[in-house]
C-alpha atoms as a PDB file:
ATOM      1  CA  MET A   1      38.041  65.279  12.266  1.00  0.00           C
ATOM      2  CA  ALA A   2      38.843  63.040   9.266  1.00  0.00           C
ATOM      3  CA  PHE A   3      35.134  62.500   8.713  1.00  0.00           C
ATOM      4  CA  LEU A   4      34.541  66.244   8.385  1.00  0.00           C
ATOM      5  CA  ASP A   5      37.548  66.638   6.067  1.00  0.00           C
ATOM      6  CA  ALA A   6      35.823  64.365   3.556  1.00  0.00           C
ATOM      7  CA  PHE A   7      33.026  66.918   3.183  1.00  0.00           C
ATOM      8  CA  ARG A   8      35.165  69.991   2.744  1.00  0.00           C
ATOM      9  CA  PRO A   9      36.107  69.598  -0.951  1.00  0.00           C
ATOM     10  CA  ALA A  10      32.510  68.739  -1.794  1.00  0.00           C
ATOM     11  CA  SER A  11      31.225  71.723   0.174  1.00  0.00           C
ATOM     12  CA  ALA A  12      33.751  74.022  -1.479  1.00  0.00           C
ATOM     13  CA  LEU A  13      32.771  72.663  -4.900  1.00  0.00           C
ATOM     14  CA  ALA A  14      29.087  73.222  -4.118  1.00  0.00           C
ATOM     15  CA  ASP A  15      29.834  76.841  -3.195  1.00  0.00           C
ATOM     16  CA  LEU A  16      31.880  77.270  -6.348  1.00  0.00           C
ATOM     17  CA  LEU A  17      29.045  75.846  -8.484  1.00  0.00           C
ATOM     18  CA  ASP A  18      26.682  78.375  -6.898  1.00  0.00           C
ATOM     19  CA  LYS A  19      29.119  81.185  -7.754  1.00  0.00           C
ATOM     20  CA  GLU A  20      29.391  79.788 -11.280  1.00  0.00           C
ATOM     21  CA  LYS A  21      25.601  79.835 -11.619  1.00  0.00           C
ATOM     22  CA  ALA A  22      25.456  83.463 -10.482  1.00  0.00           C
ATOM     23  CA  ALA A  23      28.202  84.408 -12.959  1.00  0.00           C
ATOM     24  CA  ILE A  24      26.376  82.656 -15.806  1.00  0.00           C
ATOM     25  CA  LEU A  25      23.134  84.469 -14.979  1.00  0.00           C
ATOM     26  CA  LYS A  26      24.981  87.815 -14.889  1.00  0.00           C
ATOM     27  CA  GLY A  27      26.904  87.060 -18.087  1.00  0.00           C
ATOM     28  CA  ASP A  28      30.179  87.568 -16.235  1.00  0.00           C
ATOM     29  CA  PHE A  29      32.440  85.443 -18.444  1.00  0.00           C
ATOM     30  CA  ALA A  30      35.661  86.731 -16.854  1.00  0.00           C
ATOM     31  CA  THR A  31      34.575  85.301 -13.513  1.00  0.00           C
ATOM     32  CA  LEU A  32      33.681  82.007 -15.200  1.00  0.00           C
ATOM     33  CA  GLU A  33      37.210  81.728 -16.522  1.00  0.00           C
ATOM     34  CA  THR A  34      38.652  82.344 -13.063  1.00  0.00           C
ATOM     35  CA  LEU A  35      36.305  79.842 -11.451  1.00  0.00           C
ATOM     36  CA  SER A  36      37.164  77.117 -13.956  1.00  0.00           C
ATOM     37  CA  LYS A  37      40.721  76.837 -12.620  1.00  0.00           C
ATOM     38  CA  SER A  38      39.511  76.394  -9.041  1.00  0.00           C
ATOM     39  CA  LYS A  39      36.836  74.002 -10.227  1.00  0.00           C
ATOM     40  CA  GLU A  40      39.416  71.682 -11.772  1.00  0.00           C
ATOM     41  CA  SER A  41      41.432  71.413  -8.565  1.00  0.00           C
ATOM     42  CA  LEU A  42      38.318  70.907  -6.439  1.00  0.00           C
ATOM     43  CA  LEU A  43      37.066  68.187  -8.771  1.00  0.00           C
ATOM     44  CA  SER A  44      40.303  66.269  -8.331  1.00  0.00           C
ATOM     45  CA  LEU A  45      40.069  66.645  -4.534  1.00  0.00           C
ATOM     46  CA  VAL A  46      36.470  65.441  -4.541  1.00  0.00           C
ATOM     47  CA  ALA A  47      37.473  62.458  -6.700  1.00  0.00           C
ATOM     48  CA  LYS A  48      40.177  61.511  -4.150  1.00  0.00           C
ATOM     49  CA  SER A  49      37.923  61.988  -1.131  1.00  0.00           C
ATOM     50  CA  LYS A  50      35.359  59.545   0.192  1.00  0.00           C
ATOM     51  CA  THR A  51      32.366  61.724  -0.578  1.00  0.00           C
ATOM     52  CA  PRO A  52      28.944  60.148   0.037  1.00  0.00           C
ATOM     53  CA  VAL A  53      26.901  59.246  -3.045  1.00  0.00           C
ATOM     54  CA  VAL A  54      24.109  61.650  -2.059  1.00  0.00           C
ATOM     55  CA  VAL A  55      26.533  64.571  -2.038  1.00  0.00           C
ATOM     56  CA  LEU A  56      28.008  63.509  -5.388  1.00  0.00           C
ATOM     57  CA  GLN A  57      24.517  63.346  -6.871  1.00  0.00           C
ATOM     58  CA  ASP A  58      23.809  66.871  -5.629  1.00  0.00           C
ATOM     59  CA  LEU A  59      27.073  68.128  -7.160  1.00  0.00           C
ATOM     60  CA  LYS A  60      26.207  66.415 -10.437  1.00  0.00           C
ATOM     61  CA  LYS A  61      22.744  68.005 -10.413  1.00  0.00           C
ATOM     62  CA  ARG A  62      24.220  71.483  -9.841  1.00  0.00           C
ATOM     63  CA  SER A  63      26.849  70.958 -12.519  1.00  0.00           C
ATOM     64  CA  GLU A  64      24.281  69.787 -15.076  1.00  0.00           C
ATOM     65  CA  HIS A  65      22.074  72.773 -14.285  1.00  0.00           C
ATOM     66  CA  ASN A  66      25.002  75.122 -14.894  1.00  0.00           C
ATOM     67  CA  LYS A  67      25.732  73.299 -18.134  1.00  0.00           C
ATOM     68  CA  ARG A  68      22.153  73.883 -19.317  1.00  0.00           C
ATOM     69  CA  LEU A  69      22.441  77.560 -18.386  1.00  0.00           C
ATOM     70  CA  LEU A  70      25.699  77.869 -20.345  1.00  0.00           C
ATOM     71  CA  MET A  71      24.177  76.155 -23.375  1.00  0.00           C
ATOM     72  CA  ALA A  72      21.177  78.491 -23.265  1.00  0.00           C
ATOM     73  CA  SER A  73      23.507  81.471 -22.925  1.00  0.00           C
ATOM     74  CA  ALA A  74      25.546  80.339 -25.930  1.00  0.00           C
ATOM     75  CA  LYS A  75      22.360  79.854 -27.961  1.00  0.00           C
ATOM     76  CA  GLY A  76      21.210  83.351 -27.018  1.00  0.00           C
ATOM     77  CA  LEU A  77      24.550  84.841 -28.053  1.00  0.00           C
ATOM     78  CA  ARG A  78      24.437  83.013 -31.412  1.00  0.00           C
ATOM     79  CA  THR A  79      20.873  84.209 -32.018  1.00  0.00           C
ATOM     80  CA  ALA A  80      21.802  87.803 -31.168  1.00  0.00           C
ATOM     81  CA  ARG A  81      24.827  87.643 -33.474  1.00  0.00           C
ATOM     82  CA  GLU A  82      22.712  86.286 -36.335  1.00  0.00           C
ATOM     83  CA  ARG A  83      20.127  89.023 -35.778  1.00  0.00           C
ATOM     84  CA  ILE A  84      22.779  91.753 -35.831  1.00  0.00           C
ATOM     85  CA  LEU A  85      24.220  90.353 -39.052  1.00  0.00           C
ATOM     86  CA  SER A  86      20.724  90.189 -40.531  1.00  0.00           C
ATOM     87  CA  LEU A  87      20.062  93.821 -39.614  1.00  0.00           C
ATOM     88  CA  ARG A  88      23.377  94.893 -41.153  1.00  0.00           C
ATOM     89  CA  HIS A  89      22.509  93.071 -44.352  1.00  0.00           C
ATOM     90  CA  GLN A  90      19.063  94.703 -44.442  1.00  0.00           C
ATOM     91  CA  SER A  91      20.543  98.165 -43.981  1.00  0.00           C
ATOM     92  CA  ARG A  92      22.467  97.797 -47.263  1.00  0.00           C
ATOM     93  CA  GLY A  93      19.327  97.241 -49.278  1.00  0.00           C
ATOM     94  CA  PHE A  94      16.532  94.798 -49.874  1.00  0.00           C
ATOM     95  CA  THR A  95      15.167  92.316 -52.389  1.00  0.00           C
ATOM     96  CA  ALA A  96      12.146  93.160 -54.518  1.00  0.00           C
ATOM     97  CA  TYR A  97      10.287  91.066 -57.058  1.00  0.00           C
ATOM     98  CA  GLY A  98       9.402  92.359 -60.508  1.00  0.00           C
ATOM     99  CA  PRO A  99       6.238  91.631 -62.536  1.00  0.00           C
ATOM    100  CA  ALA A 100       7.807  88.436 -63.918  1.00  0.00           C
ATOM    101  CA  GLY A 101       8.554  87.212 -60.384  1.00  0.00           C
ATOM    102  CA  LYS A 102      12.306  87.669 -60.713  1.00  0.00           C
ATOM    103  CA  ALA A 103      14.151  88.776 -57.563  1.00  0.00           C
ATOM    104  CA  THR A 104      16.127  92.002 -57.822  1.00  0.00           C
ATOM    105  CA  GLU A 105      18.493  93.426 -55.223  1.00  0.00           C
ATOM    106  CA  ILE A 106      17.746  97.085 -54.463  1.00  0.00           C
ATOM    107  CA  GLU A 107      20.754  98.870 -52.976  1.00  0.00           C
ATOM    108  CA  ARG A 108      20.329 101.805 -50.656  1.00  0.00           C
ATOM    109  CA  LYS A 109      21.588 105.044 -52.059  1.00  0.00           C
ATOM    110  CA  SER A 110      22.854 108.053 -50.214  1.00  0.00           C
ATOM    111  CA  LEU A 111      20.241 110.761 -49.664  1.00  0.00           C
ATOM    112  CA  THR A 112      22.770 113.581 -49.745  1.00  0.00           C
ATOM    113  CA  MET A 113      22.819 115.926 -52.709  1.00  0.00           C
ATOM    114  CA  LYS A 114      25.975 116.493 -54.638  1.00  0.00           C
ATOM    115  CA  ARG A 115      26.838 119.982 -55.829  1.00  0.00           C
ATOM    116  CA  LYS A 116      28.174 120.587 -59.279  1.00  0.00           C
ATOM    117  CA  ALA A 117      30.820 123.184 -59.769  1.00  0.00           C
END
């Protein structure tokens, strides 16, 4: 039975890494936060157990894959944020160049008509 106990934390960590991958792909950041607490405790159990090197290599591979997914997700979020900010800036106006080549900011003006009393 002791031999099988050595595989349990590693197996549980492998399952958790699969759940983490699914949460990353869905963009479910609340689940990622919840999983991180369990992941810490499982990592300490795996470190204390006599897990075979092959299993540790598999766990490392899964963890690195999740890391790459998270990095790509963060890059995508940064790019989307920059694009939104760019679109907001463009909606305020634009830059035009005059005959002398000098840049001039053109502000957008309201298209509504004002009534005079």
